PDB file of N, CA and C in Angstrom:
ATOM      1  N   MET A   1       0.830  -1.174   0.000  1.00  0.00           N
ATOM      2  CA  MET A   1       0.000   0.000   0.000  1.00  0.00           C
ATOM      3  C   MET A   1       0.880   1.244   0.000  1.00  0.00           C
ATOM      4  N   ALA A   2       0.564   2.193  -0.795  1.00  0.00           N
ATOM      5  CA  ALA A   2       1.268   3.465  -0.739  1.00  0.00           C
ATOM      6  C   ALA A   2       0.883   4.165   0.556  1.00  0.00           C
ATOM      7  N   LEU A   3       1.699   5.093   0.965  1.00  0.00           N
ATOM      8  CA  LEU A   3       1.408   5.881   2.155  1.00  0.00           C
ATOM      9  C   LEU A   3       0.789   7.202   1.731  1.00  0.00           C
ATOM     10  N   MET A   4       0.226   7.909   2.700  1.00  0.00           N
ATOM     11  CA  MET A   4      -0.352   9.221   2.437  1.00  0.00           C
ATOM     12  C   MET A   4      -0.031  10.130   3.616  1.00  0.00           C
ATOM     13  N   ILE A   5      -0.070  11.415   3.393  1.00  0.00           N
ATOM     14  CA  ILE A   5       0.153  12.384   4.458  1.00  0.00           C
ATOM     15  C   ILE A   5      -1.174  13.063   4.731  1.00  0.00           C
ATOM     16  N   THR A   6      -1.564  13.108   5.993  1.00  0.00           N
ATOM     17  CA  THR A   6      -2.864  13.668   6.377  1.00  0.00           C
ATOM     18  C   THR A   6      -2.744  15.154   6.719  1.00  0.00           C
ATOM     19  N   ALA A   7      -3.885  15.766   6.953  1.00  0.00           N
ATOM     20  CA  ALA A   7      -3.953  17.198   7.264  1.00  0.00           C
ATOM     21  C   ALA A   7      -3.260  17.552   8.577  1.00  0.00           C
ATOM     22  N   GLU A   8      -2.895  16.565   9.370  1.00  0.00           N
ATOM     23  CA  GLU A   8      -2.173  16.847  10.615  1.00  0.00           C
ATOM     24  C   GLU A   8      -0.728  17.275  10.350  1.00  0.00           C
ATOM     25  N   CYS A   9      -0.285  17.163   9.103  1.00  0.00           N
ATOM     26  CA  CYS A   9       1.078  17.540   8.716  1.00  0.00           C
ATOM     27  C   CYS A   9       1.356  18.990   9.131  1.00  0.00           C
ATOM     28  N   ILE A  10       2.530  19.207   9.733  1.00  0.00           N
ATOM     29  CA  ILE A  10       2.910  20.555  10.169  1.00  0.00           C
ATOM     30  C   ILE A  10       3.951  21.179   9.224  1.00  0.00           C
ATOM     31  N   ASN A  11       4.164  20.563   8.069  1.00  0.00           N
ATOM     32  CA  ASN A  11       5.112  21.073   7.072  1.00  0.00           C
ATOM     33  C   ASN A  11       6.498  21.314   7.659  1.00  0.00           C
ATOM     34  N   CYS A  12       6.985  20.331   8.386  1.00  0.00           N
ATOM     35  CA  CYS A  12       8.285  20.473   9.045  1.00  0.00           C
ATOM     36  C   CYS A  12       9.457  20.206   8.107  1.00  0.00           C
ATOM     37  N   ASP A  13       9.189  19.700   6.927  1.00  0.00           N
ATOM     38  CA  ASP A  13      10.199  19.490   5.884  1.00  0.00           C
ATOM     39  C   ASP A  13      11.142  18.315   6.121  1.00  0.00           C
ATOM     40  N   VAL A  14      10.859  17.413   7.047  1.00  0.00           N
ATOM     41  CA  VAL A  14      11.792  16.310   7.288  1.00  0.00           C
ATOM     42  C   VAL A  14      11.497  15.072   6.449  1.00  0.00           C
ATOM     43  N   CYS A  15      10.267  14.893   6.002  1.00  0.00           N
ATOM     44  CA  CYS A  15       9.921  13.682   5.259  1.00  0.00           C
ATOM     45  C   CYS A  15      10.429  13.693   3.823  1.00  0.00           C
ATOM     46  N   GLU A  16      10.374  14.830   3.174  1.00  0.00           N
ATOM     47  CA  GLU A  16      10.743  14.893   1.755  1.00  0.00           C
ATOM     48  C   GLU A  16      12.166  14.397   1.488  1.00  0.00           C
ATOM     49  N   PRO A  17      13.180  14.885   2.192  1.00  0.00           N
ATOM     50  CA  PRO A  17      14.526  14.382   1.909  1.00  0.00           C
ATOM     51  C   PRO A  17      14.761  12.947   2.386  1.00  0.00           C
ATOM     52  N   ALA A  18      13.907  12.442   3.261  1.00  0.00           N
ATOM     53  CA  ALA A  18      14.060  11.076   3.763  1.00  0.00           C
ATOM     54  C   ALA A  18      13.569  10.029   2.771  1.00  0.00           C
ATOM     55  N   CYS A  19      12.773  10.435   1.796  1.00  0.00           N
ATOM     56  CA  CYS A  19      12.183   9.488   0.846  1.00  0.00           C
ATOM     57  C   CYS A  19      13.179   9.093  -0.243  1.00  0.00           C
ATOM     58  N   PRO A  20      13.543   7.815  -0.319  1.00  0.00           N
ATOM     59  CA  PRO A  20      14.506   7.380  -1.334  1.00  0.00           C
ATOM     60  C   PRO A  20      13.931   7.340  -2.749  1.00  0.00           C
ATOM     61  N   ASN A  21      12.610   7.405  -2.874  1.00  0.00           N
ATOM     62  CA  ASN A  21      11.961   7.337  -4.184  1.00  0.00           C
ATOM     63  C   ASN A  21      11.503   8.692  -4.703  1.00  0.00           C
ATOM     64  N   GLN A  22      11.808   9.738  -3.977  1.00  0.00           N
ATOM     65  CA  GLN A  22      11.368  11.082  -4.346  1.00  0.00           C
ATOM     66  C   GLN A  22       9.858  11.118  -4.575  1.00  0.00           C
ATOM     67  N   ALA A  23       9.130  10.436  -3.691  1.00  0.00           N
ATOM     68  CA  ALA A  23       7.671  10.368  -3.803  1.00  0.00           C
ATOM     69  C   ALA A  23       6.976  11.492  -3.044  1.00  0.00           C
ATOM     70  N   ILE A  24       7.708  12.218  -2.214  1.00  0.00           N
ATOM     71  CA  ILE A  24       7.102  13.253  -1.368  1.00  0.00           C
ATOM     72  C   ILE A  24       7.426  14.628  -1.931  1.00  0.00           C
ATOM     73  N   SER A  25       6.385  15.460  -2.006  1.00  0.00           N
ATOM     74  CA  SER A  25       6.560  16.825  -2.499  1.00  0.00           C
ATOM     75  C   SER A  25       5.624  17.760  -1.746  1.00  0.00           C
ATOM     76  N   VAL A  26       5.876  19.046  -1.890  1.00  0.00           N
ATOM     77  CA  VAL A  26       5.037  20.050  -1.248  1.00  0.00           C
ATOM     78  C   VAL A  26       3.705  20.107  -1.981  1.00  0.00           C
ATOM     79  N   GLY A  27       2.622  20.050  -1.215  1.00  0.00           N
ATOM     80  CA  GLY A  27       1.289  20.172  -1.787  1.00  0.00           C
ATOM     81  C   GLY A  27       0.742  21.565  -1.553  1.00  0.00           C
ATOM     82  N   ASP A  28      -0.529  21.759  -1.815  1.00  0.00           N
ATOM     83  CA  ASP A  28      -1.148  23.071  -1.627  1.00  0.00           C
ATOM     84  C   ASP A  28      -1.139  23.510  -0.167  1.00  0.00           C
ATOM     85  N   GLN A  29      -1.476  22.572   0.741  1.00  0.00           N
ATOM     86  CA  GLN A  29      -1.555  22.927   2.163  1.00  0.00           C
ATOM     87  C   GLN A  29      -0.544  22.181   3.018  1.00  0.00           C
ATOM     88  N   TYR A  30      -0.142  21.009   2.582  1.00  0.00           N
ATOM     89  CA  TYR A  30       0.841  20.207   3.304  1.00  0.00           C
ATOM     90  C   TYR A  30       1.478  19.236   2.320  1.00  0.00           C
ATOM     91  N   TYR A  31       2.485  18.533   2.778  1.00  0.00           N
ATOM     92  CA  TYR A  31       3.194  17.604   1.898  1.00  0.00           C
ATOM     93  C   TYR A  31       2.263  16.505   1.392  1.00  0.00           C
ATOM     94  N   MET A  32       2.623  15.935   0.258  1.00  0.00           N
ATOM     95  CA  MET A  32       1.820  14.857  -0.325  1.00  0.00           C
ATOM     96  C   MET A  32       2.754  13.762  -0.840  1.00  0.00           C
ATOM     97  N   ILE A  33       2.210  12.561  -0.961  1.00  0.00           N
ATOM     98  CA  ILE A  33       2.971  11.415  -1.434  1.00  0.00           C
ATOM     99  C   ILE A  33       2.377  10.927  -2.747  1.00  0.00           C
ATOM    100  N   ASP A  34       3.228  10.775  -3.742  1.00  0.00           N
ATOM    101  CA  ASP A  34       2.815  10.258  -5.046  1.00  0.00           C
ATOM    102  C   ASP A  34       2.710   8.732  -4.923  1.00  0.00           C
ATOM    103  N   PRO A  35       1.512   8.172  -4.995  1.00  0.00           N
ATOM    104  CA  PRO A  35       1.351   6.723  -4.835  1.00  0.00           C
ATOM    105  C   PRO A  35       2.043   5.911  -5.932  1.00  0.00           C
ATOM    106  N   ASN A  36       2.335   6.547  -7.060  1.00  0.00           N
ATOM    107  CA  ASN A  36       3.036   5.847  -8.138  1.00  0.00           C
ATOM    108  C   ASN A  36       4.529   5.703  -7.862  1.00  0.00           C
ATOM    109  N   ARG A  37       5.042   6.446  -6.897  1.00  0.00           N
ATOM    110  CA  ARG A  37       6.454   6.387  -6.550  1.00  0.00           C
ATOM    111  C   ARG A  37       6.692   5.798  -5.155  1.00  0.00           C
ATOM    112  N   CYS A  38       5.654   5.743  -4.321  1.00  0.00           N
ATOM    113  CA  CYS A  38       5.818   5.252  -2.951  1.00  0.00           C
ATOM    114  C   CYS A  38       5.859   3.723  -2.913  1.00  0.00           C
ATOM    115  N   THR A  39       6.942   3.193  -2.352  1.00  0.00           N
ATOM    116  CA  THR A  39       7.069   1.743  -2.178  1.00  0.00           C
ATOM    117  C   THR A  39       7.111   1.384  -0.693  1.00  0.00           C
ATOM    118  N   GLU A  40       6.771   2.344   0.175  1.00  0.00           N
ATOM    119  CA  GLU A  40       6.909   2.168   1.623  1.00  0.00           C
ATOM    120  C   GLU A  40       8.350   1.803   1.966  1.00  0.00           C
ATOM    121  N   CYS A  41       9.269   2.243   1.138  1.00  0.00           N
ATOM    122  CA  CYS A  41      10.715   2.006   1.263  1.00  0.00           C
ATOM    123  C   CYS A  41      11.114   0.550   1.030  1.00  0.00           C
ATOM    124  N   VAL A  42      10.172  -0.283   0.557  1.00  0.00           N
ATOM    125  CA  VAL A  42      10.517  -1.660   0.176  1.00  0.00           C
ATOM    126  C   VAL A  42      11.587  -1.569  -0.908  1.00  0.00           C
ATOM    127  N   GLY A  43      12.642  -2.343  -0.746  1.00  0.00           N
ATOM    128  CA  GLY A  43      13.760  -2.317  -1.677  1.00  0.00           C
ATOM    129  C   GLY A  43      14.891  -1.433  -1.199  1.00  0.00           C
ATOM    130  N   HIS A  44      14.589  -0.498  -0.317  1.00  0.00           N
ATOM    131  CA  HIS A  44      15.593   0.417   0.227  1.00  0.00           C
ATOM    132  C   HIS A  44      15.862   0.153   1.705  1.00  0.00           C
ATOM    133  N   PHE A  45      14.788   0.112   2.500  1.00  0.00           N
ATOM    134  CA  PHE A  45      14.892   0.015   3.956  1.00  0.00           C
ATOM    135  C   PHE A  45      13.856  -0.965   4.492  1.00  0.00           C
ATOM    136  N   ASP A  46      14.000  -1.333   5.757  1.00  0.00           N
ATOM    137  CA  ASP A  46      13.055  -2.250   6.396  1.00  0.00           C
ATOM    138  C   ASP A  46      11.745  -1.582   6.788  1.00  0.00           C
ATOM    139  N   GLU A  47      11.750  -0.257   6.912  1.00  0.00           N
ATOM    140  CA  GLU A  47      10.522   0.456   7.256  1.00  0.00           C
ATOM    141  C   GLU A  47      10.509   1.823   6.581  1.00  0.00           C
ATOM    142  N   PRO A  48       9.328   2.395   6.390  1.00  0.00           N
ATOM    143  CA  PRO A  48       9.221   3.684   5.715  1.00  0.00           C
ATOM    144  C   PRO A  48       9.986   4.781   6.461  1.00  0.00           C
ATOM    145  N   GLN A  49      10.906   5.404   5.778  1.00  0.00           N
ATOM    146  CA  GLN A  49      11.736   6.430   6.397  1.00  0.00           C
ATOM    147  C   GLN A  49      10.942   7.680   6.755  1.00  0.00           C
ATOM    148  N   CYS A  50       9.941   8.022   5.974  1.00  0.00           N
ATOM    149  CA  CYS A  50       9.134   9.204   6.283  1.00  0.00           C
ATOM    150  C   CYS A  50       8.431   9.045   7.623  1.00  0.00           C
ATOM    151  N   ARG A  51       7.952   7.837   7.895  1.00  0.00           N
ATOM    152  CA  ARG A  51       7.300   7.578   9.178  1.00  0.00           C
ATOM    153  C   ARG A  51       8.286   7.679  10.333  1.00  0.00           C
ATOM    154  N   LEU A  52       9.515   7.264  10.101  1.00  0.00           N
ATOM    155  CA  LEU A  52      10.527   7.328  11.156  1.00  0.00           C
ATOM    156  C   LEU A  52      10.839   8.760  11.566  1.00  0.00           C
ATOM    157  N   VAL A  53      10.865   9.662  10.607  1.00  0.00           N
ATOM    158  CA  VAL A  53      11.254  11.037  10.911  1.00  0.00           C
ATOM    159  C   VAL A  53      10.087  11.965  11.226  1.00  0.00           C
ATOM    160  N   CYS A  54       8.876  11.563  10.924  1.00  0.00           N
ATOM    161  CA  CYS A  54       7.698  12.428  11.131  1.00  0.00           C
ATOM    162  C   CYS A  54       7.446  12.658  12.628  1.00  0.00           C
ATOM    163  N   PRO A  55       7.456  13.918  13.061  1.00  0.00           N
ATOM    164  CA  PRO A  55       7.244  14.203  14.483  1.00  0.00           C
ATOM    165  C   PRO A  55       5.780  14.169  14.930  1.00  0.00           C
ATOM    166  N   VAL A  56       4.838  14.125  13.984  1.00  0.00           N
ATOM    167  CA  VAL A  56       3.422  14.160  14.370  1.00  0.00           C
ATOM    168  C   VAL A  56       2.649  12.911  13.965  1.00  0.00           C
ATOM    169  N   ASP A  57       3.313  11.903  13.436  1.00  0.00           N
ATOM    170  CA  ASP A  57       2.670  10.640  13.093  1.00  0.00           C
ATOM    171  C   ASP A  57       1.450  10.839  12.192  1.00  0.00           C
ATOM    172  N   CYS A  58       1.674  11.500  11.053  1.00  0.00           N
ATOM    173  CA  CYS A  58       0.565  11.800  10.134  1.00  0.00           C
ATOM    174  C   CYS A  58       0.710  11.083   8.797  1.00  0.00           C
ATOM    175  N   ILE A  59       1.376   9.889   8.794  1.00  0.00           N
ATOM    176  CA  ILE A  59       1.606   9.187   7.532  1.00  0.00           C
ATOM    177  C   ILE A  59       1.085   7.750   7.614  1.00  0.00           C
ATOM    178  N   PRO A  60      -0.226   7.585   7.442  1.00  0.00           N
ATOM    179  CA  PRO A  60      -0.800   6.234   7.431  1.00  0.00           C
ATOM    180  C   PRO A  60      -0.741   5.612   6.035  1.00  0.00           C
ATOM    181  N   LYS A  61      -1.140   4.365   5.950  1.00  0.00           N
ATOM    182  CA  LYS A  61      -1.286   3.702   4.646  1.00  0.00           C
ATOM    183  C   LYS A  61      -2.476   4.320   3.929  1.00  0.00           C
ATOM    184  N   ASP A  62      -2.368   4.438   2.631  1.00  0.00           N
ATOM    185  CA  ASP A  62      -3.435   5.012   1.822  1.00  0.00           C
ATOM    186  C   ASP A  62      -4.360   3.887   1.378  1.00  0.00           C
ATOM    187  N   PRO A  63      -5.589   3.842   1.899  1.00  0.00           N
ATOM    188  CA  PRO A  63      -6.506   2.751   1.551  1.00  0.00           C
ATOM    189  C   PRO A  63      -6.921   2.743   0.082  1.00  0.00           C
ATOM    190  N   ASN A  64      -6.660   3.835  -0.623  1.00  0.00           N
ATOM    191  CA  ASN A  64      -7.001   3.903  -2.047  1.00  0.00           C
ATOM    192  C   ASN A  64      -5.993   3.192  -2.935  1.00  0.00           C
ATOM    193  N   PHE A  65      -4.857   2.791  -2.345  1.00  0.00           N
ATOM    194  CA  PHE A  65      -3.805   2.138  -3.126  1.00  0.00           C
ATOM    195  C   PHE A  65      -3.317   0.875  -2.414  1.00  0.00           C
ATOM    196  N   PRO A  66      -4.163  -0.153  -2.342  1.00  0.00           N
ATOM    197  CA  PRO A  66      -3.757  -1.391  -1.667  1.00  0.00           C
ATOM    198  C   PRO A  66      -2.716  -2.156  -2.488  1.00  0.00           C
ATOM    199  N   GLU A  67      -1.567  -2.411  -1.871  1.00  0.00           N
ATOM    200  CA  GLU A  67      -0.503  -3.161  -2.528  1.00  0.00           C
ATOM    201  C   GLU A  67       0.157  -4.045  -1.483  1.00  0.00           C
ATOM    202  N   ASP A  68       0.514  -5.260  -1.880  1.00  0.00           N
ATOM    203  CA  ASP A  68       1.236  -6.118  -0.948  1.00  0.00           C
ATOM    204  C   ASP A  68       2.734  -5.915  -1.177  1.00  0.00           C
ATOM    205  N   GLU A  69       3.547  -6.579  -0.374  1.00  0.00           N
ATOM    206  CA  GLU A  69       4.992  -6.388  -0.459  1.00  0.00           C
ATOM    207  C   GLU A  69       5.551  -6.769  -1.829  1.00  0.00           C
ATOM    208  N   GLU A  70       5.001  -7.796  -2.437  1.00  0.00           N
ATOM    209  CA  GLU A  70       5.451  -8.211  -3.770  1.00  0.00           C
ATOM    210  C   GLU A  70       5.207  -7.101  -4.804  1.00  0.00           C
ATOM    211  N   GLU A  71       4.042  -6.481  -4.730  1.00  0.00           N
ATOM    212  CA  GLU A  71       3.717  -5.389  -5.657  1.00  0.00           C
ATOM    213  C   GLU A  71       4.608  -4.173  -5.397  1.00  0.00           C
ATOM    214  N   LEU A  72       4.867  -3.891  -4.125  1.00  0.00           N
ATOM    215  CA  LEU A  72       5.745  -2.770  -3.782  1.00  0.00           C
ATOM    216  C   LEU A  72       7.166  -3.019  -4.289  1.00  0.00           C
ATOM    217  N   LEU A  73       7.634  -4.259  -4.173  1.00  0.00           N
ATOM    218  CA  LEU A  73       8.966  -4.601  -4.660  1.00  0.00           C
ATOM    219  C   LEU A  73       9.031  -4.484  -6.187  1.00  0.00           C
ATOM    220  N   ALA A  74       7.981  -4.892  -6.870  1.00  0.00           N
ATOM    221  CA  ALA A  74       7.928  -4.755  -8.332  1.00  0.00           C
ATOM    222  C   ALA A  74       7.957  -3.274  -8.722  1.00  0.00           C
ATOM    223  N   LYS A  75       7.250  -2.441  -7.967  1.00  0.00           N
ATOM    224  CA  LYS A  75       7.264  -1.006  -8.230  1.00  0.00           C
ATOM    225  C   LYS A  75       8.672  -0.446  -7.996  1.00  0.00           C
ATOM    226  N   TYR A  76       9.331  -0.891  -6.930  1.00  0.00           N
ATOM    227  CA  TYR A  76      10.711  -0.483  -6.655  1.00  0.00           C
ATOM    228  C   TYR A  76      11.613  -0.818  -7.842  1.00  0.00           C
ATOM    229  N   HIS A  77      11.530  -2.046  -8.350  1.00  0.00           N
ATOM    230  CA  HIS A  77      12.358  -2.457  -9.484  1.00  0.00           C
ATOM    231  C   HIS A  77      12.063  -1.611 -10.721  1.00  0.00           C
ATOM    232  N   ARG A  78      10.796  -1.312 -10.945  1.00  0.00           N
ATOM    233  CA  ARG A  78      10.404  -0.472 -12.080  1.00  0.00           C
ATOM    234  C   ARG A  78      10.995   0.937 -11.940  1.00  0.00           C
ATOM    235  N   LEU A  79      10.915   1.497 -10.732  1.00  0.00           N
ATOM    236  CA  LEU A  79      11.457   2.837 -10.490  1.00  0.00           C
ATOM    237  C   LEU A  79      12.981   2.874 -10.640  1.00  0.00           C
ATOM    238  N   MET A  80      13.621   1.776 -10.301  1.00  0.00           N
ATOM    239  CA  MET A  80      15.087   1.714 -10.388  1.00  0.00           C
ATOM    240  C   MET A  80      15.569   1.309 -11.778  1.00  0.00           C
ATOM    241  N   GLY A  81      14.608   1.051 -12.693  1.00  0.00           N
ATOM    242  CA  GLY A  81      14.964   0.673 -14.054  1.00  0.00           C
ATOM    243  C   GLY A  81      15.427  -0.762 -14.165  1.00  0.00           C
ATOM    244  N   GLN A  82      14.991  -1.592 -13.218  1.00  0.00           N
ATOM    245  CA  GLN A  82      15.351  -3.002 -13.232  1.00  0.00           C
ATOM    246  C   GLN A  82      14.153  -3.825 -13.695  1.00  0.00           C
ATOM    247  N   SER A  83      14.418  -4.921 -14.327  1.00  0.00           N
ATOM    248  CA  SER A  83      13.316  -5.787 -14.795  1.00  0.00           C
ATOM    249  C   SER A  83      13.025  -6.872 -13.795  1.00  0.00           C
TER     250      SER A  83
END
């Protein structure tokens, strides 16, 4: 499942540089996560780095993008240009 950032975001700027897939960007009111780039850090780390650094715990799984670990790993390989 891709992650999402909720309205509780305080725009502290720590999640964006922590994302190895460059899936996080500034939105209209708070940061947002591109579900096409978010792998929950599968392929890079054991746990999502944005969640580790977020001081307000505003990054849940996005129910609109259900993906299992196999799908996330396939997305990681696609993003890295691997087959």
